[in-house]
Amino acid sequence: FIRPQMLELLKHKHFDQILRGFEKNTWTSFKLVAENFLENKKADNYKELVTRLLLAYQKLDCNKLLKIYFLHSN
């Protein structure tokens, strides 16, 4: 995502209603990280928020993509 797309998606109220189960948990975790960690904001519990997001992605079997991105960014 690029920032404008992410902000538009975060504003979309019906998106929450469409998702179920692990997908909804992952979306909720993503929103918490976006609202409390990205940009100039950093919540005191940012490590917990990011850890929850990574675990949620793992439950959706998205961990391979994250590993590739992480390796590429270092």
N, C-alpha and C. Protein backbone atom coordinates (compact mmCIF):
# COMPACT_ATOMS: atom_id res chain seq x y z
N PHE A 1 0.83 -1.19 0.00
CA PHE A 1 0.00 0.00 0.00
C PHE A 1 0.87 1.25 0.00
N ILE A 2 0.35 2.25 -0.63
CA ILE A 2 0.96 3.56 -0.46
C ILE A 2 0.03 4.35 0.46
N ARG A 3 0.54 5.38 1.05
CA ARG A 3 -0.18 6.10 2.10
C ARG A 3 -1.60 6.51 1.71
N PRO A 4 -1.84 7.17 0.57
CA PRO A 4 -3.21 7.57 0.24
C PRO A 4 -4.18 6.38 0.14
N GLN A 5 -3.71 5.27 -0.44
CA GLN A 5 -4.56 4.09 -0.53
C GLN A 5 -4.88 3.55 0.85
N MET A 6 -3.88 3.52 1.72
CA MET A 6 -4.08 2.99 3.06
C MET A 6 -5.08 3.86 3.83
N LEU A 7 -4.94 5.17 3.74
CA LEU A 7 -5.86 6.06 4.45
C LEU A 7 -7.28 5.91 3.94
N GLU A 8 -7.44 5.76 2.65
CA GLU A 8 -8.78 5.56 2.07
C GLU A 8 -9.39 4.26 2.56
N LEU A 9 -8.61 3.22 2.60
CA LEU A 9 -9.11 1.92 3.06
C LEU A 9 -9.45 1.96 4.55
N LEU A 10 -8.66 2.66 5.34
CA LEU A 10 -8.94 2.77 6.77
C LEU A 10 -10.25 3.52 7.03
N LYS A 11 -10.62 4.44 6.14
CA LYS A 11 -11.86 5.20 6.30
C LYS A 11 -13.09 4.42 5.87
N HIS A 12 -12.91 3.37 5.09
CA HIS A 12 -14.01 2.61 4.51
C HIS A 12 -14.75 1.85 5.61
N LYS A 13 -15.96 2.29 5.96
CA LYS A 13 -16.70 1.72 7.08
C LYS A 13 -17.24 0.33 6.79
N HIS A 14 -17.58 0.05 5.56
CA HIS A 14 -18.18 -1.24 5.22
C HIS A 14 -17.15 -2.37 5.16
N PHE A 15 -15.89 -2.03 5.04
CA PHE A 15 -14.84 -3.04 4.95
C PHE A 15 -14.82 -3.91 6.21
N ASP A 16 -15.00 -3.30 7.37
CA ASP A 16 -15.05 -4.04 8.64
C ASP A 16 -16.19 -5.05 8.65
N GLN A 17 -17.30 -4.69 8.05
CA GLN A 17 -18.48 -5.55 8.07
C GLN A 17 -18.36 -6.75 7.13
N ILE A 18 -17.53 -6.65 6.13
CA ILE A 18 -17.37 -7.72 5.14
C ILE A 18 -16.50 -8.85 5.68
N LEU A 19 -15.49 -8.51 6.46
CA LEU A 19 -14.50 -9.49 6.92
C LEU A 19 -15.03 -10.33 8.07
N ARG A 20 -14.51 -11.56 8.15
CA ARG A 20 -14.88 -12.50 9.22
C ARG A 20 -13.64 -13.24 9.70
N GLY A 21 -13.68 -13.74 10.91
CA GLY A 21 -12.65 -14.63 11.43
C GLY A 21 -11.26 -14.03 11.45
N PHE A 22 -10.30 -14.83 10.96
CA PHE A 22 -8.89 -14.41 10.97
C PHE A 22 -8.68 -13.14 10.16
N GLU A 23 -9.43 -13.01 9.05
CA GLU A 23 -9.26 -11.81 8.22
C GLU A 23 -9.64 -10.55 8.99
N LYS A 24 -10.72 -10.63 9.75
CA LYS A 24 -11.15 -9.46 10.54
C LYS A 24 -10.14 -9.16 11.64
N ASN A 25 -9.62 -10.21 12.30
CA ASN A 25 -8.60 -10.00 13.33
C ASN A 25 -7.35 -9.35 12.75
N THR A 26 -6.96 -9.80 11.56
CA THR A 26 -5.78 -9.24 10.90
C THR A 26 -6.02 -7.78 10.53
N TRP A 27 -7.20 -7.48 10.02
CA TRP A 27 -7.54 -6.11 9.65
C TRP A 27 -7.52 -5.19 10.88
N THR A 28 -8.08 -5.68 11.99
CA THR A 28 -8.08 -4.90 13.22
C THR A 28 -6.66 -4.63 13.69
N SER A 29 -5.81 -5.65 13.62
CA SER A 29 -4.40 -5.47 14.00
C SER A 29 -3.70 -4.48 13.09
N PHE A 30 -3.98 -4.57 11.79
CA PHE A 30 -3.39 -3.64 10.83
C PHE A 30 -3.80 -2.20 11.14
N LYS A 31 -5.08 -2.00 11.42
CA LYS A 31 -5.56 -0.66 11.74
C LYS A 31 -4.89 -0.11 13.00
N LEU A 32 -4.73 -0.96 14.01
CA LEU A 32 -4.09 -0.51 15.24
C LEU A 32 -2.64 -0.09 15.00
N VAL A 33 -1.93 -0.85 14.18
CA VAL A 33 -0.54 -0.49 13.85
C VAL A 33 -0.52 0.81 13.05
N ALA A 34 -1.41 0.92 12.07
CA ALA A 34 -1.44 2.13 11.24
C ALA A 34 -1.76 3.37 12.07
N GLU A 35 -2.66 3.23 13.03
CA GLU A 35 -3.09 4.38 13.82
C GLU A 35 -2.14 4.70 14.98
N ASN A 36 -1.38 3.71 15.45
CA ASN A 36 -0.59 3.89 16.67
C ASN A 36 0.91 3.71 16.50
N PHE A 37 1.37 3.49 15.27
CA PHE A 37 2.80 3.24 15.08
C PHE A 37 3.36 3.96 13.86
N LEU A 38 2.63 3.97 12.78
CA LEU A 38 3.14 4.58 11.55
C LEU A 38 3.14 6.10 11.66
N GLU A 39 3.88 6.71 10.79
CA GLU A 39 4.01 8.16 10.76
C GLU A 39 4.78 8.65 11.98
N ASN A 40 4.36 9.75 12.56
CA ASN A 40 5.06 10.33 13.71
C ASN A 40 4.52 9.83 15.04
N LYS A 41 3.51 8.99 14.98
CA LYS A 41 2.90 8.48 16.21
C LYS A 41 3.58 7.17 16.59
N LYS A 42 3.83 6.99 17.88
CA LYS A 42 4.35 5.71 18.33
C LYS A 42 3.78 5.45 19.72
N ALA A 43 2.85 4.51 19.79
CA ALA A 43 2.23 4.16 21.06
C ALA A 43 3.26 3.48 21.96
N ASP A 44 3.04 3.57 23.24
CA ASP A 44 3.94 2.92 24.20
C ASP A 44 4.00 1.41 23.98
N ASN A 45 2.90 0.83 23.51
CA ASN A 45 2.83 -0.63 23.32
C ASN A 45 3.01 -1.02 21.84
N TYR A 46 3.79 -0.23 21.10
CA TYR A 46 3.94 -0.49 19.67
C TYR A 46 4.51 -1.87 19.37
N LYS A 47 5.41 -2.37 20.22
CA LYS A 47 5.98 -3.70 19.99
C LYS A 47 4.89 -4.77 20.08
N GLU A 48 4.01 -4.62 21.04
CA GLU A 48 2.89 -5.57 21.18
C GLU A 48 1.96 -5.49 19.97
N LEU A 49 1.69 -4.28 19.49
CA LEU A 49 0.81 -4.12 18.34
C LEU A 49 1.40 -4.76 17.09
N VAL A 50 2.68 -4.54 16.86
CA VAL A 50 3.34 -5.12 15.68
C VAL A 50 3.41 -6.63 15.80
N THR A 51 3.70 -7.13 17.00
CA THR A 51 3.75 -8.58 17.22
C THR A 51 2.39 -9.21 16.93
N ARG A 52 1.32 -8.57 17.40
CA ARG A 52 -0.03 -9.08 17.13
C ARG A 52 -0.32 -9.10 15.63
N LEU A 53 0.11 -8.05 14.94
CA LEU A 53 -0.11 -7.99 13.50
C LEU A 53 0.64 -9.11 12.78
N LEU A 54 1.89 -9.34 13.15
CA LEU A 54 2.67 -10.40 12.52
C LEU A 54 2.07 -11.78 12.79
N LEU A 55 1.58 -12.00 14.00
CA LEU A 55 0.92 -13.27 14.32
C LEU A 55 -0.37 -13.43 13.52
N ALA A 56 -1.10 -12.35 13.35
CA ALA A 56 -2.34 -12.41 12.56
C ALA A 56 -2.02 -12.73 11.10
N TYR A 57 -0.98 -12.10 10.54
CA TYR A 57 -0.57 -12.42 9.17
C TYR A 57 -0.16 -13.88 9.06
N GLN A 58 0.52 -14.38 10.06
CA GLN A 58 0.97 -15.77 10.05
C GLN A 58 -0.22 -16.72 10.02
N LYS A 59 -1.28 -16.41 10.76
CA LYS A 59 -2.48 -17.25 10.76
C LYS A 59 -3.15 -17.27 9.39
N LEU A 60 -2.96 -16.21 8.63
CA LEU A 60 -3.49 -16.16 7.26
C LEU A 60 -2.51 -16.74 6.25
N ASP A 61 -1.40 -17.27 6.75
CA ASP A 61 -0.34 -17.85 5.92
C ASP A 61 0.31 -16.81 5.01
N CYS A 62 0.49 -15.63 5.54
CA CYS A 62 1.13 -14.54 4.80
C CYS A 62 2.56 -14.31 5.23
N ASN A 63 3.10 -15.18 6.07
CA ASN A 63 4.43 -14.93 6.63
C ASN A 63 5.55 -15.01 5.60
N LYS A 64 5.39 -15.76 4.53
CA LYS A 64 6.46 -15.83 3.53
C LYS A 64 6.67 -14.48 2.87
N LEU A 65 5.60 -13.80 2.52
CA LEU A 65 5.71 -12.49 1.91
C LEU A 65 6.39 -11.51 2.87
N LEU A 66 6.04 -11.57 4.14
CA LEU A 66 6.67 -10.68 5.11
C LEU A 66 8.16 -10.97 5.26
N LYS A 67 8.54 -12.25 5.23
CA LYS A 67 9.95 -12.60 5.33
C LYS A 67 10.72 -12.06 4.14
N ILE A 68 10.16 -12.20 2.96
CA ILE A 68 10.82 -11.71 1.75
C ILE A 68 10.97 -10.19 1.84
N TYR A 69 9.93 -9.49 2.24
CA TYR A 69 9.99 -8.04 2.37
C TYR A 69 11.03 -7.63 3.40
N PHE A 70 11.03 -8.32 4.55
CA PHE A 70 11.98 -7.99 5.61
C PHE A 70 13.41 -8.20 5.13
N LEU A 71 13.67 -9.31 4.47
CA LEU A 71 15.02 -9.58 3.98
C LEU A 71 15.43 -8.56 2.93
N HIS A 72 14.49 -8.16 2.09
CA HIS A 72 14.79 -7.19 1.05
C HIS A 72 15.08 -5.80 1.64
N SER A 73 14.42 -5.47 2.75
CA SER A 73 14.57 -4.13 3.32
C SER A 73 15.84 -3.98 4.15
N ASN A 74 16.50 -5.08 4.49
CA ASN A 74 17.71 -5.00 5.32
C ASN A 74 18.97 -5.05 4.50
